[in-house]
Amino acid sequence: MTTDTLAEALPRKQARVRALIPIYREIGPPGAFALMMMERSLQAADQAAASGDVVAMLRALEDLRGYSA
């Protein structure tokens, strides 16, 4: 069994959540709150990755894991 590094896992989770955004947009008003939360989470993940802050990256990864279709 291979274990992903943080540098591998975070971009993969970001891509997965970005792929969910069109689904939630299609839902319309009922999906608006979740959409807003996803966008905030992605912004935080982008900032964490850009800064190289490992603790913030771990928090962002854990946050992104909470989203599902």
N, C-alpha and C. Protein backbone atom coordinates (compact mmCIF):
# COMPACT_ATOMS: atom_id res chain seq x y z
N MET A 1 0.85 -1.18 0.00
CA MET A 1 0.00 0.00 0.00
C MET A 1 0.89 1.24 0.00
N THR A 2 0.61 2.17 -0.91
CA THR A 2 1.38 3.41 -0.94
C THR A 2 0.63 4.51 -0.21
N THR A 3 1.39 5.37 0.38
CA THR A 3 0.81 6.49 1.11
C THR A 3 1.10 7.77 0.34
N ASP A 4 0.07 8.55 0.14
CA ASP A 4 0.24 9.84 -0.53
C ASP A 4 0.96 10.82 0.38
N THR A 5 1.76 11.65 -0.22
CA THR A 5 2.34 12.75 0.53
C THR A 5 1.32 13.89 0.55
N LEU A 6 1.52 14.83 1.41
CA LEU A 6 0.65 16.00 1.47
C LEU A 6 0.67 16.73 0.13
N ALA A 7 1.85 16.82 -0.48
CA ALA A 7 1.99 17.51 -1.76
C ALA A 7 1.23 16.81 -2.88
N GLU A 8 0.96 15.54 -2.74
CA GLU A 8 0.17 14.79 -3.73
C GLU A 8 -1.31 14.82 -3.40
N ALA A 9 -1.63 14.67 -2.13
CA ALA A 9 -3.02 14.54 -1.70
C ALA A 9 -3.80 15.85 -1.81
N LEU A 10 -3.19 16.96 -1.42
CA LEU A 10 -3.92 18.22 -1.42
C LEU A 10 -4.39 18.63 -2.81
N PRO A 11 -3.53 18.65 -3.83
CA PRO A 11 -4.03 19.01 -5.16
C PRO A 11 -5.09 18.04 -5.69
N ARG A 12 -4.98 16.78 -5.34
CA ARG A 12 -5.98 15.80 -5.77
C ARG A 12 -7.34 16.11 -5.14
N LYS A 13 -7.34 16.46 -3.85
CA LYS A 13 -8.61 16.80 -3.18
C LYS A 13 -9.16 18.12 -3.72
N GLN A 14 -8.27 19.06 -4.01
CA GLN A 14 -8.73 20.32 -4.58
C GLN A 14 -9.41 20.07 -5.93
N ALA A 15 -8.83 19.24 -6.75
CA ALA A 15 -9.41 18.92 -8.05
C ALA A 15 -10.76 18.22 -7.89
N ARG A 16 -10.86 17.34 -6.91
CA ARG A 16 -12.11 16.62 -6.69
C ARG A 16 -13.22 17.59 -6.29
N VAL A 17 -12.91 18.53 -5.40
CA VAL A 17 -13.92 19.49 -4.97
C VAL A 17 -14.26 20.44 -6.12
N ARG A 18 -13.27 20.83 -6.90
CA ARG A 18 -13.56 21.68 -8.07
C ARG A 18 -14.49 20.97 -9.05
N ALA A 19 -14.36 19.66 -9.15
CA ALA A 19 -15.24 18.89 -10.03
C ALA A 19 -16.67 18.83 -9.48
N LEU A 20 -16.84 19.01 -8.19
CA LEU A 20 -18.17 19.01 -7.58
C LEU A 20 -18.91 20.32 -7.80
N ILE A 21 -18.18 21.40 -8.01
CA ILE A 21 -18.80 22.72 -8.12
C ILE A 21 -19.87 22.79 -9.19
N PRO A 22 -19.64 22.29 -10.40
CA PRO A 22 -20.72 22.33 -11.40
C PRO A 22 -21.97 21.56 -10.98
N ILE A 23 -21.78 20.50 -10.25
CA ILE A 23 -22.92 19.71 -9.77
C ILE A 23 -23.76 20.54 -8.82
N TYR A 24 -23.11 21.21 -7.89
CA TYR A 24 -23.83 22.03 -6.92
C TYR A 24 -24.43 23.27 -7.58
N ARG A 25 -23.77 23.82 -8.60
CA ARG A 25 -24.35 24.95 -9.34
C ARG A 25 -25.64 24.53 -10.04
N GLU A 26 -25.63 23.32 -10.57
CA GLU A 26 -26.79 22.80 -11.28
C GLU A 26 -27.99 22.63 -10.34
N ILE A 27 -27.73 22.37 -9.09
CA ILE A 27 -28.81 22.20 -8.11
C ILE A 27 -29.59 23.50 -7.94
N GLY A 28 -28.90 24.63 -8.11
CA GLY A 28 -29.55 25.93 -7.96
C GLY A 28 -29.50 26.41 -6.53
N PRO A 29 -30.51 27.17 -6.12
CA PRO A 29 -30.52 27.77 -4.78
C PRO A 29 -30.27 26.78 -3.63
N PRO A 30 -30.80 25.55 -3.68
CA PRO A 30 -30.52 24.64 -2.56
C PRO A 30 -29.03 24.30 -2.41
N GLY A 31 -28.26 24.40 -3.47
CA GLY A 31 -26.84 24.09 -3.40
C GLY A 31 -25.95 25.28 -3.14
N ALA A 32 -26.55 26.47 -3.02
CA ALA A 32 -25.78 27.71 -2.90
C ALA A 32 -24.90 27.75 -1.66
N PHE A 33 -25.42 27.31 -0.52
CA PHE A 33 -24.63 27.36 0.71
C PHE A 33 -23.42 26.43 0.61
N ALA A 34 -23.64 25.22 0.14
CA ALA A 34 -22.54 24.27 -0.02
C ALA A 34 -21.52 24.79 -1.02
N LEU A 35 -22.00 25.40 -2.07
CA LEU A 35 -21.12 25.98 -3.09
C LEU A 35 -20.24 27.07 -2.48
N MET A 36 -20.83 27.93 -1.69
CA MET A 36 -20.08 28.99 -1.02
C MET A 36 -19.00 28.40 -0.10
N MET A 37 -19.36 27.36 0.63
CA MET A 37 -18.41 26.73 1.54
C MET A 37 -17.27 26.07 0.77
N MET A 38 -17.59 25.42 -0.33
CA MET A 38 -16.56 24.78 -1.15
C MET A 38 -15.58 25.83 -1.69
N GLU A 39 -16.11 26.93 -2.17
CA GLU A 39 -15.25 27.98 -2.72
C GLU A 39 -14.33 28.55 -1.65
N ARG A 40 -14.85 28.75 -0.45
CA ARG A 40 -14.01 29.22 0.67
C ARG A 40 -12.93 28.21 1.01
N SER A 41 -13.30 26.95 1.05
CA SER A 41 -12.33 25.90 1.36
C SER A 41 -11.24 25.83 0.30
N LEU A 42 -11.62 25.97 -0.95
CA LEU A 42 -10.64 25.94 -2.03
C LEU A 42 -9.70 27.15 -1.96
N GLN A 43 -10.24 28.30 -1.62
CA GLN A 43 -9.39 29.49 -1.47
C GLN A 43 -8.38 29.29 -0.35
N ALA A 44 -8.84 28.73 0.76
CA ALA A 44 -7.93 28.48 1.89
C ALA A 44 -6.86 27.46 1.50
N ALA A 45 -7.25 26.44 0.75
CA ALA A 45 -6.30 25.43 0.31
C ALA A 45 -5.28 26.02 -0.66
N ASP A 46 -5.75 26.87 -1.56
CA ASP A 46 -4.84 27.53 -2.51
C ASP A 46 -3.83 28.40 -1.77
N GLN A 47 -4.30 29.16 -0.78
CA GLN A 47 -3.41 30.02 -0.01
C GLN A 47 -2.41 29.20 0.80
N ALA A 48 -2.87 28.12 1.39
CA ALA A 48 -1.99 27.26 2.18
C ALA A 48 -0.91 26.66 1.30
N ALA A 49 -1.29 26.18 0.13
CA ALA A 49 -0.32 25.57 -0.78
C ALA A 49 0.68 26.61 -1.27
N ALA A 50 0.20 27.80 -1.59
CA ALA A 50 1.08 28.85 -2.09
C ALA A 50 2.08 29.31 -1.04
N SER A 51 1.64 29.31 0.21
CA SER A 51 2.52 29.76 1.29
C SER A 51 3.47 28.67 1.76
N GLY A 52 3.12 27.42 1.47
CA GLY A 52 3.94 26.31 1.94
C GLY A 52 3.75 26.01 3.42
N ASP A 53 2.70 26.56 4.01
CA ASP A 53 2.40 26.35 5.43
C ASP A 53 1.83 24.94 5.61
N VAL A 54 2.64 24.05 6.14
CA VAL A 54 2.27 22.64 6.25
C VAL A 54 1.05 22.45 7.14
N VAL A 55 0.98 23.17 8.25
CA VAL A 55 -0.17 23.03 9.15
C VAL A 55 -1.45 23.48 8.45
N ALA A 56 -1.40 24.60 7.74
CA ALA A 56 -2.57 25.09 7.01
C ALA A 56 -2.94 24.12 5.89
N MET A 57 -1.94 23.53 5.25
CA MET A 57 -2.22 22.55 4.19
C MET A 57 -2.92 21.32 4.76
N LEU A 58 -2.48 20.86 5.92
CA LEU A 58 -3.14 19.71 6.56
C LEU A 58 -4.59 20.03 6.93
N ARG A 59 -4.80 21.24 7.46
CA ARG A 59 -6.17 21.65 7.79
C ARG A 59 -7.03 21.73 6.54
N ALA A 60 -6.47 22.28 5.47
CA ALA A 60 -7.21 22.41 4.22
C ALA A 60 -7.56 21.03 3.66
N LEU A 61 -6.61 20.12 3.71
CA LEU A 61 -6.85 18.75 3.23
C LEU A 61 -7.99 18.11 4.00
N GLU A 62 -7.96 18.23 5.29
CA GLU A 62 -9.00 17.63 6.12
C GLU A 62 -10.35 18.29 5.82
N ASP A 63 -10.36 19.58 5.62
CA ASP A 63 -11.60 20.29 5.30
C ASP A 63 -12.16 19.82 3.96
N LEU A 64 -11.31 19.68 2.95
CA LEU A 64 -11.75 19.26 1.63
C LEU A 64 -12.28 17.83 1.62
N ARG A 65 -11.78 17.01 2.51
CA ARG A 65 -12.27 15.63 2.59
C ARG A 65 -13.74 15.54 2.98
N GLY A 66 -14.27 16.61 3.55
CA GLY A 66 -15.65 16.62 4.02
C GLY A 66 -16.68 16.80 2.94
N TYR A 67 -16.28 17.11 1.72
CA TYR A 67 -17.23 17.37 0.64
C TYR A 67 -17.47 16.11 -0.19
N SER A 68 -18.73 15.89 -0.52
CA SER A 68 -19.07 14.74 -1.35
C SER A 68 -20.21 15.11 -2.30
N ALA A 69 -20.41 14.27 -3.26
CA ALA A 69 -21.48 14.52 -4.25
C ALA A 69 -22.74 13.83 -3.81
